[in-house]
Amino acid sequence: TNIISLYGGYVLKYIGDAVLAFFVIEDTTRNGQYTDKVMNKGDESESNNGFSSLQFSNGISCALTMIRVIKEGINPILNQYDYPELKVRVGIDYGEVAVVQYGIDIYEFEKTMLKTPHLDLIGYTISVAVKMTSLAEADHIIIGQKLYDQLDIKDKDSFKQLKTNTEIWNYANHTDGELYNIF
């Protein structure tokens, strides 16, 4: 939770031993059009300016830090006491989600009524990220095609496309109906 917060993310909820967190990406569009969308580098085109790419890589950096803290900070202590090591699997994707309110708690504090809403995030992006996490190897990160497309070349080189089939992965890419690529 602290690491997620340090990277500008928010913990939505805990599900068993899993943490569902999100990062808000600043809208870089003006009237539906990207400003500074294309930066030419020789014959290559980059899909984002530096700031935008940094926003997308922030969640990945957060995940890498979490894995490192577990491997280099927590597991050595667990090993000293002959406890099993912790392993981390991370799935990250990018896309729109809906915020829904499904209830409210009302408290009275010093004759003042306080209302706390119950909020959740729903949508295709959440489902994809959760499913990707189940496919990740221990201490690895899996990202979806939409996030991969937003990264700069250096960050993209850190990932390789995973081979999938419909028996283990059945999420479709909305643009072409093919299997959604994961990296």
Protein backbone atom coordinates (compact mmCIF):
# COMPACT_ATOMS: atom_id res chain seq x y z
CA THR A 1 0.00 0.00 0.00
CA ASN A 2 2.80 2.43 0.88
CA ILE A 3 4.73 1.71 -2.31
CA ILE A 4 1.61 2.18 -4.44
CA SER A 5 0.97 5.51 -2.74
CA LEU A 6 4.59 6.61 -3.24
CA TYR A 7 4.19 6.07 -6.98
CA GLY A 8 0.96 8.08 -7.10
CA GLY A 9 -1.42 5.12 -7.17
CA TYR A 10 -4.46 4.29 -5.09
CA VAL A 11 -5.43 1.04 -3.42
CA LEU A 12 -9.03 0.25 -4.24
CA LYS A 13 -9.37 -2.94 -2.21
CA TYR A 14 -7.79 -6.11 -0.95
CA ILE A 15 -9.04 -9.41 -2.34
CA GLY A 16 -7.62 -12.26 -0.28
CA ASP A 17 -3.87 -11.83 -0.58
CA ALA A 18 -4.21 -9.64 -3.68
CA VAL A 19 -4.21 -5.86 -3.91
CA LEU A 20 -6.32 -4.09 -6.54
CA ALA A 21 -4.80 -0.68 -7.20
CA PHE A 22 -5.15 1.94 -9.89
CA PHE A 23 -3.24 4.89 -11.30
CA VAL A 24 -4.97 7.89 -12.80
CA ILE A 25 -3.56 8.89 -16.19
CA GLU A 26 -3.81 12.57 -17.07
CA ASP A 27 -5.79 13.12 -20.26
CA THR A 28 -3.34 14.35 -22.89
CA THR A 29 -6.06 15.09 -25.40
CA ARG A 30 -7.59 18.38 -26.38
CA ASN A 31 -10.98 18.08 -28.07
CA GLY A 32 -10.35 14.40 -28.68
CA GLN A 33 -7.01 15.01 -30.43
CA TYR A 34 -3.62 14.20 -28.96
CA THR A 35 -1.30 17.14 -28.57
CA ASP A 36 2.34 16.31 -29.29
CA LYS A 37 1.24 12.80 -30.22
CA VAL A 38 4.05 11.92 -32.58
CA MET A 39 7.73 12.47 -31.96
CA ASN A 40 9.86 11.37 -34.88
CA LYS A 41 13.10 9.55 -34.19
CA GLY A 42 14.68 8.82 -37.52
CA ASP A 43 12.32 6.45 -39.29
CA GLU A 44 10.55 5.47 -36.06
CA SER A 45 7.52 7.20 -34.55
CA GLU A 46 6.95 7.36 -30.84
CA SER A 47 3.33 7.24 -29.71
CA ASN A 48 3.72 9.55 -26.70
CA ASN A 49 5.62 12.53 -25.45
CA GLY A 50 7.96 12.03 -22.49
CA PHE A 51 5.46 13.06 -19.81
CA SER A 52 2.74 10.80 -21.12
CA SER A 53 5.08 7.83 -21.41
CA LEU A 54 6.27 8.44 -17.85
CA GLN A 55 2.69 8.29 -16.58
CA PHE A 56 2.21 4.89 -18.20
CA SER A 57 5.50 3.48 -16.95
CA ASN A 58 4.82 4.64 -13.38
CA GLY A 59 2.63 1.62 -12.59
CA ILE A 60 5.30 -0.68 -13.97
CA SER A 61 7.98 1.03 -11.87
CA CYS A 62 5.75 0.60 -8.83
CA ALA A 63 5.38 -3.12 -9.51
CA LEU A 64 9.13 -3.52 -9.97
CA THR A 65 9.73 -1.78 -6.64
CA MET A 66 7.20 -4.05 -4.89
CA ILE A 67 8.94 -7.14 -6.26
CA ARG A 68 12.35 -5.81 -5.22
CA VAL A 69 11.17 -4.97 -1.67
CA ILE A 70 9.77 -8.48 -1.27
CA LYS A 71 12.87 -10.20 -2.73
CA GLU A 72 15.56 -8.07 -1.08
CA GLY A 73 13.84 -6.79 2.06
CA ILE A 74 11.15 -9.13 3.31
CA ASN A 75 12.28 -12.55 2.07
CA PRO A 76 15.73 -12.38 3.74
CA ILE A 77 13.98 -11.81 7.07
CA LEU A 78 11.57 -14.68 6.42
CA ASN A 79 14.55 -16.91 5.51
CA GLN A 80 16.20 -16.15 8.88
CA TYR A 81 13.24 -17.74 10.63
CA ASP A 82 12.77 -20.61 8.15
CA TYR A 83 9.49 -19.20 6.82
CA PRO A 84 8.59 -19.67 3.17
CA GLU A 85 9.40 -16.78 0.84
CA LEU A 86 6.74 -14.49 -0.55
CA LYS A 87 6.25 -14.29 -4.32
CA VAL A 88 4.56 -11.55 -6.29
CA ARG A 89 2.63 -11.74 -9.57
CA VAL A 90 1.48 -8.53 -11.23
CA GLY A 91 -0.94 -7.84 -14.07
CA ILE A 92 -1.29 -4.29 -15.41
CA ASP A 93 -3.38 -2.85 -18.21
CA TYR A 94 -4.60 0.51 -19.40
CA GLY A 95 -8.13 1.55 -20.24
CA GLU A 96 -11.29 3.19 -19.09
CA VAL A 97 -13.16 1.91 -16.08
CA ALA A 98 -16.44 2.86 -14.48
CA VAL A 99 -16.63 4.02 -10.89
CA VAL A 100 -19.78 2.73 -9.22
CA GLN A 101 -21.26 3.43 -5.83
CA TYR A 102 -22.98 0.41 -4.36
CA GLY A 103 -23.84 1.61 -0.88
CA ILE A 104 -23.16 4.12 1.83
CA ASP A 105 -22.27 4.03 5.52
CA ILE A 106 -23.69 6.74 7.74
CA TYR A 107 -21.97 7.62 11.00
CA GLU A 108 -22.80 10.18 13.63
CA PHE A 109 -19.84 12.02 15.11
CA GLU A 110 -20.40 14.85 17.60
CA LYS A 111 -23.94 15.43 16.30
CA THR A 112 -22.71 15.55 12.69
CA MET A 113 -23.77 12.95 10.14
CA LEU A 114 -20.85 11.56 8.14
CA LYS A 115 -21.49 9.61 4.94
CA THR A 116 -18.92 7.24 3.50
CA PRO A 117 -19.74 5.79 0.07
CA HIS A 118 -18.78 2.26 -0.99
CA LEU A 119 -17.06 2.60 -4.36
CA ASP A 120 -15.80 0.05 -6.83
CA LEU A 121 -14.22 0.05 -10.28
CA ILE A 122 -15.68 -2.16 -12.98
CA GLY A 123 -14.96 -2.73 -16.61
CA TYR A 124 -13.17 -4.81 -19.19
CA THR A 125 -9.77 -3.41 -18.18
CA ILE A 126 -10.17 -4.67 -14.60
CA SER A 127 -11.17 -8.15 -15.80
CA VAL A 128 -8.21 -8.33 -18.17
CA ALA A 129 -5.70 -7.19 -15.54
CA VAL A 130 -6.96 -9.71 -12.98
CA LYS A 131 -6.80 -12.56 -15.51
CA MET A 132 -3.29 -11.50 -16.63
CA THR A 133 -2.13 -11.66 -13.02
CA SER A 134 -3.17 -15.30 -12.81
CA LEU A 135 -0.96 -16.05 -15.84
CA ALA A 136 2.14 -14.31 -14.49
CA GLU A 137 5.07 -16.30 -13.20
CA ALA A 138 6.30 -15.60 -9.67
CA ASP A 139 8.03 -12.22 -9.39
CA HIS A 140 7.02 -11.23 -12.93
CA ILE A 141 4.83 -8.53 -14.44
CA ILE A 142 2.43 -9.04 -17.33
CA ILE A 143 1.05 -6.05 -19.21
CA GLY A 144 -1.65 -5.77 -21.85
CA GLN A 145 -1.34 -4.52 -25.43
CA LYS A 146 -3.02 -1.18 -24.68
CA LEU A 147 -0.45 -0.36 -22.00
CA TYR A 148 2.41 -1.74 -24.10
CA ASP A 149 1.40 0.58 -26.96
CA GLN A 150 1.76 3.62 -24.66
CA LEU A 151 5.33 2.86 -23.54
CA ASP A 152 8.47 4.33 -25.06
CA ILE A 153 10.86 2.07 -26.97
CA LYS A 154 13.20 1.55 -23.99
CA ASP A 155 10.35 0.35 -21.77
CA LYS A 156 8.90 -1.83 -24.55
CA ASP A 157 12.25 -3.61 -24.87
CA SER A 158 11.82 -4.83 -21.27
CA PHE A 159 8.87 -7.00 -22.31
CA LYS A 160 8.37 -9.89 -24.69
CA GLN A 161 5.05 -11.01 -26.13
CA LEU A 162 3.62 -14.13 -24.49
CA LYS A 163 2.24 -16.90 -26.63
CA THR A 164 -1.39 -17.49 -25.74
CA ASN A 165 -4.20 -19.72 -26.87
CA THR A 166 -7.93 -19.71 -26.26
CA GLU A 167 -7.65 -22.48 -23.66
CA ILE A 168 -5.80 -20.20 -21.20
CA TRP A 169 -6.60 -16.72 -22.54
CA ASN A 170 -9.86 -15.72 -24.23
CA TYR A 171 -9.88 -11.92 -24.07
CA ALA A 172 -10.36 -10.30 -27.46
CA ASN A 173 -8.90 -7.09 -28.78
CA HIS A 174 -11.85 -4.76 -29.40
CA THR A 175 -10.28 -3.26 -32.52
CA ASP A 176 -9.77 -6.44 -34.55
CA GLY A 177 -11.46 -9.27 -32.63
CA GLU A 178 -8.18 -11.23 -32.36
CA LEU A 179 -6.80 -12.44 -29.03
CA TYR A 180 -5.63 -9.51 -26.91
CA ASN A 181 -1.83 -9.54 -26.77
CA ILE A 182 -0.06 -9.71 -23.44
CA PHE A 183 3.62 -9.09 -22.71
